[in-house]
């Protein structure tokens, strides 16, 4: 396998966090396994080890999306599924997280239609283009009934349920410029905050949290969120890696807030209080986290 891939870009990361699953090559059926094996061998890993982020590759993904939108004939969705992926190597095992840009674009379009008024959706994406995209999606899903994205995205915030698979020991904070720059004359690599953990640990934490929340707060948003995350993780190989990457939210929070950002640990402490029967302390932890991320979300109104 090649050394770490050096992406070159001047693009700043969008204010989007990602929850990713990296599957080992053995998890992919043929011919996908051979294709991803060849890709990883030619491409190399996107980080030098578990302590380094894949930020440069994420910026390259964003740059490709911007290029599509800036084309003479803008393409809201790719015409073909992306054949690129994030690649990590750990303890001699190669892990791949396919971008599946087209599938994620379809899912984002569905979310757009659920969350925006119809007239705004028509302005952003005319009905004829949406109808064509929907027809393509229906045909593609008929041919790929088991398809699911390896990446979930969230703009302007990290959903509290995404913290459940991780522990504080999984935290990696890399200040701006600590791992180099994008290339000569280009800006230093932005700060990064991410969590990386084995799938076995992620599933165990989510299942334990879900059992507790279902018993103590049935029907609550965090209990429902734990169930949603748990079901998604079950779709992947048990020897996968799970990563929460703050992405551009690291820049939004700023250096000082980023250095002391401990939502994963605070949520774990709140669950510990709930398990011990201290519902007041658990409620304070939950309300504090919710209020903090609401303040971050409110920054989109100032953009």
Protein backbone atom coordinates (compact mmCIF):
# COMPACT_ATOMS: atom_id res chain seq x y z
CA UNK A 1 0.00 0.00 0.00
CA UNK A 2 1.15 3.52 -0.73
CA UNK A 3 2.08 6.01 1.98
CA UNK A 4 -0.48 8.46 3.30
CA UNK A 5 -2.29 10.29 0.51
CA UNK A 6 -1.55 14.04 0.32
CA UNK A 7 -4.68 15.87 -0.79
CA UNK A 8 -4.24 19.46 -2.00
CA UNK A 9 -7.08 21.90 -1.51
CA UNK A 10 -7.81 25.46 -0.39
CA UNK A 11 -11.37 24.60 0.60
CA UNK A 12 -12.39 25.10 4.22
CA UNK A 13 -14.52 22.35 5.77
CA UNK A 14 -18.28 22.98 5.86
CA UNK A 15 -19.99 23.24 9.24
CA UNK A 16 -20.90 19.56 9.07
CA UNK A 17 -20.10 16.66 11.37
CA UNK A 18 -19.94 13.08 10.10
CA UNK A 19 -20.52 9.71 11.72
CA UNK A 20 -18.61 7.11 9.69
CA UNK A 21 -18.18 3.36 9.61
CA UNK A 22 -14.99 1.87 8.16
CA UNK A 23 -15.37 -1.78 7.23
CA UNK A 24 -12.46 -4.20 6.77
CA UNK A 25 -11.90 -5.35 3.19
CA UNK A 26 -13.09 -8.82 4.18
CA UNK A 27 -16.58 -7.41 4.78
CA UNK A 28 -17.12 -6.59 1.11
CA UNK A 29 -18.40 -9.24 -1.32
CA UNK A 30 -16.74 -9.69 -4.67
CA UNK A 31 -16.25 -7.86 -6.97
CA UNK A 32 -16.44 -4.90 -4.54
CA UNK A 33 -13.70 -6.38 -2.35
CA UNK A 34 -11.20 -6.55 -5.19
CA UNK A 35 -12.13 -3.04 -6.32
CA UNK A 36 -11.65 -1.53 -2.86
CA UNK A 37 -8.46 -3.51 -2.32
CA UNK A 38 -7.01 -2.09 -5.53
CA UNK A 39 -8.22 1.39 -4.58
CA UNK A 40 -6.60 1.20 -1.13
CA UNK A 41 -3.34 -0.14 -2.58
CA UNK A 42 -3.11 2.69 -5.11
CA UNK A 43 -4.54 5.43 -2.94
CA UNK A 44 -2.94 4.69 0.42
CA UNK A 45 -4.46 5.54 3.83
CA UNK A 46 -5.86 9.00 4.50
CA UNK A 47 -4.22 9.21 7.93
CA UNK A 48 -0.93 8.05 9.36
CA UNK A 49 -2.60 6.23 12.25
CA UNK A 50 -5.59 6.23 14.60
CA UNK A 51 -4.44 9.49 16.18
CA UNK A 52 -4.55 11.45 12.92
CA UNK A 53 -7.69 12.78 11.20
CA UNK A 54 -8.80 12.24 7.60
CA UNK A 55 -9.52 15.96 7.27
CA UNK A 56 -7.61 16.42 4.03
CA UNK A 57 -9.63 13.69 2.32
CA UNK A 58 -12.86 15.19 3.69
CA UNK A 59 -11.89 18.54 2.18
CA UNK A 60 -11.25 16.83 -1.14
CA UNK A 61 -14.74 15.35 -1.00
CA UNK A 62 -16.18 18.81 -0.35
CA UNK A 63 -14.13 20.27 -3.18
CA UNK A 64 -15.52 17.69 -5.61
CA UNK A 65 -19.08 18.53 -4.52
CA UNK A 66 -18.45 22.25 -5.03
CA UNK A 67 -17.01 21.59 -8.48
CA UNK A 68 -20.22 19.81 -9.48
CA UNK A 69 -22.33 22.73 -8.28
CA UNK A 70 -20.12 25.29 -10.03
CA UNK A 71 -20.14 23.48 -13.38
CA UNK A 72 -21.66 25.15 -16.46
CA UNK A 73 -24.53 22.68 -16.09
CA UNK A 74 -24.89 22.26 -12.30
CA UNK A 75 -25.46 18.71 -11.09
CA UNK A 76 -27.34 18.56 -7.77
CA UNK A 77 -26.63 14.80 -7.69
CA UNK A 78 -23.80 12.81 -9.32
CA UNK A 79 -24.76 10.92 -12.45
CA UNK A 80 -22.86 7.84 -11.20
CA UNK A 81 -22.09 6.58 -7.71
CA UNK A 82 -18.75 7.79 -6.40
CA UNK A 83 -16.02 5.14 -6.43
CA UNK A 84 -13.88 6.81 -3.78
CA UNK A 85 -13.62 6.15 -0.07
CA UNK A 86 -11.91 7.14 3.15
CA UNK A 87 -9.16 4.64 3.94
CA UNK A 88 -7.62 3.84 7.32
CA UNK A 89 -5.00 1.24 8.19
CA UNK A 90 -4.75 -0.10 11.74
CA UNK A 91 -2.70 -3.02 13.04
CA UNK A 92 -2.11 -4.31 9.53
CA UNK A 93 -5.80 -4.24 8.59
CA UNK A 94 -7.13 -1.95 5.85
CA UNK A 95 -10.51 -0.33 6.50
CA UNK A 96 -12.66 1.40 3.90
CA UNK A 97 -15.51 3.90 4.27
CA UNK A 98 -17.08 4.43 0.82
CA UNK A 99 -18.26 7.96 0.11
CA UNK A 100 -21.49 6.82 -1.64
CA UNK A 101 -22.03 10.45 -2.60
CA UNK A 102 -24.99 9.71 -4.87
CA UNK A 103 -26.88 7.69 -2.26
CA UNK A 104 -26.22 10.32 0.40
CA UNK A 105 -27.40 12.98 -2.06
CA UNK A 106 -30.71 11.19 -2.47
CA UNK A 107 -31.11 10.93 1.30
CA UNK A 108 -30.24 14.63 1.69
CA UNK A 109 -32.85 15.49 -0.94
CA UNK A 110 -35.50 13.58 0.99
CA UNK A 111 -34.48 15.41 4.17
CA UNK A 112 -34.65 18.73 2.32
CA UNK A 113 -38.21 18.04 1.24
CA UNK A 114 -39.18 17.09 4.81
CA UNK A 115 -37.68 20.15 6.48
CA UNK A 116 -38.15 23.08 4.05
CA UNK A 117 -41.36 24.71 2.80
CA UNK A 118 -42.32 23.54 -0.68
CA UNK A 119 -41.67 26.93 -2.33
CA UNK A 120 -38.12 27.01 -0.96
CA UNK A 121 -37.48 23.46 -2.15
CA UNK A 122 -38.70 24.47 -5.62
CA UNK A 123 -36.26 27.41 -5.61
CA UNK A 124 -33.30 25.28 -4.57
CA UNK A 125 -34.15 22.32 -6.79
CA UNK A 126 -36.87 22.65 -9.47
CA UNK A 127 -39.59 19.95 -9.54
CA UNK A 128 -38.38 18.49 -12.85
CA UNK A 129 -34.90 17.85 -11.44
CA UNK A 130 -36.36 16.37 -8.26
CA UNK A 131 -38.62 14.05 -10.24
CA UNK A 132 -35.69 12.85 -12.33
CA UNK A 133 -33.59 12.28 -9.21
CA UNK A 134 -36.41 10.34 -7.56
CA UNK A 135 -36.86 8.14 -10.63
CA UNK A 136 -33.12 7.40 -10.66
CA UNK A 137 -33.19 6.59 -6.95
CA UNK A 138 -36.12 4.21 -7.29
CA UNK A 139 -34.41 2.33 -10.10
CA UNK A 140 -31.09 2.21 -8.29
CA UNK A 141 -32.60 0.94 -5.05
CA UNK A 142 -34.47 -1.73 -6.96
CA UNK A 143 -31.10 -2.93 -8.26
CA UNK A 144 -29.38 -2.47 -4.85
CA UNK A 145 -32.01 -3.38 -2.20
CA UNK A 146 -29.45 -3.73 0.61
CA UNK A 147 -27.65 -0.44 -0.02
CA UNK A 148 -26.97 1.82 2.95
CA UNK A 149 -24.58 4.72 3.50
CA UNK A 150 -21.40 4.32 5.49
CA UNK A 151 -21.56 8.02 6.39
CA UNK A 152 -24.20 10.06 8.20
CA UNK A 153 -23.95 13.84 8.19
CA UNK A 154 -25.29 16.61 10.42
CA UNK A 155 -25.07 20.34 9.69
CA UNK A 156 -24.34 22.88 12.44
CA UNK A 157 -24.53 20.40 15.31
CA UNK A 158 -23.62 16.95 16.57
CA UNK A 159 -26.81 15.06 17.52
CA UNK A 160 -26.57 13.85 21.11
CA UNK A 161 -27.27 10.25 20.03
CA UNK A 162 -24.02 10.28 18.05
CA UNK A 163 -22.00 10.56 21.27
CA UNK A 164 -23.33 7.25 22.61
CA UNK A 165 -20.94 4.87 20.77
CA UNK A 166 -17.81 6.53 22.19
CA UNK A 167 -15.82 6.97 25.37
CA UNK A 168 -13.50 9.77 26.42
CA UNK A 169 -10.53 7.46 25.76
CA UNK A 170 -11.46 7.56 22.04
CA UNK A 171 -11.03 11.35 21.85
CA UNK A 172 -8.43 12.85 19.48
CA UNK A 173 -7.90 16.60 19.32
CA UNK A 174 -5.43 17.95 16.75
CA UNK A 175 -4.81 21.74 16.78
CA UNK A 176 -4.64 23.69 13.52
CA UNK A 177 -1.51 23.08 11.49
CA UNK A 178 -0.20 20.32 13.79
CA UNK A 179 -0.19 17.75 10.98
CA UNK A 180 1.02 20.04 8.17
CA UNK A 181 -0.61 21.97 5.34
CA UNK A 182 -2.44 21.13 2.16
CA UNK A 183 0.55 22.06 0.03
CA UNK A 184 2.99 24.88 -0.69
CA UNK A 185 1.32 28.27 -0.39
CA UNK A 186 -1.91 26.77 0.92
CA UNK A 187 -3.56 27.18 4.30
CA UNK A 188 -2.52 24.87 7.19
CA UNK A 189 -4.70 21.88 7.83
CA UNK A 190 -7.60 22.97 10.05
CA UNK A 191 -8.04 21.84 13.63
CA UNK A 192 -9.70 18.48 14.08
CA UNK A 193 -11.66 16.76 16.80
CA UNK A 194 -12.71 13.17 16.28
CA UNK A 195 -13.45 9.91 18.09
CA UNK A 196 -12.47 6.49 16.77
CA UNK A 197 -13.49 3.19 18.36
CA UNK A 198 -13.93 -0.50 17.42
CA UNK A 199 -17.43 -1.52 16.39
CA UNK A 200 -17.67 -4.03 19.25
CA UNK A 201 -17.17 -1.25 21.79
CA UNK A 202 -19.55 1.09 19.96
CA UNK A 203 -22.36 -1.47 19.90
CA UNK A 204 -21.84 -2.39 23.53
CA UNK A 205 -22.04 1.24 24.68
CA UNK A 206 -25.12 2.00 22.59
CA UNK A 207 -26.91 -1.17 23.72
CA UNK A 208 -26.16 -0.45 27.37
CA UNK A 209 -27.38 3.13 27.03
CA UNK A 210 -30.51 2.02 25.19
CA UNK A 211 -31.46 -0.50 27.87
CA UNK A 212 -31.05 2.15 30.56
CA UNK A 213 -32.94 4.86 28.68
CA UNK A 214 -35.77 2.51 27.67
CA UNK A 215 -36.22 1.55 31.32
CA UNK A 216 -35.90 5.01 32.88
CA UNK A 217 -37.07 7.39 30.11
CA UNK A 218 -39.20 5.31 27.72
CA UNK A 219 -40.20 7.18 24.58
CA UNK A 220 -37.70 9.97 25.23
CA UNK A 221 -35.71 11.46 22.34
CA UNK A 222 -32.39 10.04 23.51
CA UNK A 223 -33.86 6.54 23.93
CA UNK A 224 -35.26 6.72 20.40
CA UNK A 225 -31.92 8.06 19.17
CA UNK A 226 -30.03 5.21 20.82
CA UNK A 227 -32.29 2.72 19.08
CA UNK A 228 -31.73 4.45 15.73
CA UNK A 229 -27.94 4.47 16.07
CA UNK A 230 -27.90 0.89 17.31
CA UNK A 231 -29.91 -0.36 14.34
CA UNK A 232 -27.59 1.47 11.92
CA UNK A 233 -24.44 0.02 13.50
CA UNK A 234 -25.89 -3.50 13.30
CA UNK A 235 -25.83 -3.27 9.50
CA UNK A 236 -22.02 -3.38 9.39
CA UNK A 237 -19.26 -5.91 9.97
CA UNK A 238 -18.54 -6.51 13.68
CA UNK A 239 -14.83 -5.80 13.17
CA UNK A 240 -15.44 -2.36 11.69
CA UNK A 241 -14.30 0.98 13.09
CA UNK A 242 -16.71 3.77 14.03
CA UNK A 243 -15.66 7.41 13.81
CA UNK A 244 -17.30 10.67 14.86
CA UNK A 245 -15.62 13.58 13.08
CA UNK A 246 -16.58 17.13 14.09
CA UNK A 247 -15.40 18.31 10.66
CA UNK A 248 -16.02 22.04 10.13
CA UNK A 249 -17.70 22.32 13.52
CA UNK A 250 -14.17 22.34 14.95
CA UNK A 251 -13.60 25.69 13.21
CA UNK A 252 -17.03 26.95 14.26
CA UNK A 253 -16.37 26.20 17.94
CA UNK A 254 -12.98 27.92 17.89
CA UNK A 255 -9.68 26.81 19.49
CA UNK A 256 -10.61 27.42 23.14
CA UNK A 257 -14.04 25.76 23.04
CA UNK A 258 -12.71 22.91 20.94
CA UNK A 259 -9.94 22.13 23.44
CA UNK A 260 -12.45 21.76 26.26
CA UNK A 261 -15.28 20.14 24.28
CA UNK A 262 -16.19 16.98 26.21
CA UNK A 263 -19.77 16.18 25.21
CA UNK A 264 -19.04 12.44 25.03
CA UNK A 265 -17.79 12.34 28.60
CA UNK A 266 -20.55 14.60 29.88
CA UNK A 267 -23.24 12.41 28.33
CA UNK A 268 -21.59 9.33 29.81
CA UNK A 269 -21.55 11.01 33.23
CA UNK A 270 -25.24 11.84 32.86
CA UNK A 271 -26.06 8.24 32.01
CA UNK A 272 -24.00 7.14 35.00
CA UNK A 273 -26.08 9.42 37.23
CA UNK A 274 -29.28 8.01 35.75
CA UNK A 275 -28.04 4.47 36.36
CA UNK A 276 -27.25 5.37 39.96
CA UNK A 277 -30.75 6.77 40.49
CA UNK A 278 -29.71 10.44 40.59
CA UNK A 279 -32.28 11.71 38.10
CA UNK A 280 -31.66 15.38 38.96
CA UNK A 281 -27.98 15.13 38.03
CA UNK A 282 -28.85 13.19 34.87
CA UNK A 283 -31.39 15.82 33.85
CA UNK A 284 -28.91 18.64 34.47
CA UNK A 285 -26.33 16.91 32.27
CA UNK A 286 -28.85 16.34 29.49
CA UNK A 287 -30.24 19.87 29.62
CA UNK A 288 -26.72 21.35 29.70
CA UNK A 289 -25.68 19.42 26.59
CA UNK A 290 -28.90 20.26 24.79
CA UNK A 291 -28.57 23.98 25.57
CA UNK A 292 -24.93 24.07 24.46
CA UNK A 293 -25.62 22.48 21.08
CA UNK A 294 -28.67 24.71 20.61
CA UNK A 295 -26.33 27.70 20.95
CA UNK A 296 -24.05 26.23 18.30
CA UNK A 297 -27.04 25.53 16.04
CA UNK A 298 -28.22 29.13 16.49
CA UNK A 299 -24.99 30.37 14.87
CA UNK A 300 -26.38 29.39 11.46
CA UNK A 301 -28.75 32.35 11.73
CA UNK A 302 -25.72 34.66 11.86
CA UNK A 303 -24.03 33.16 8.80
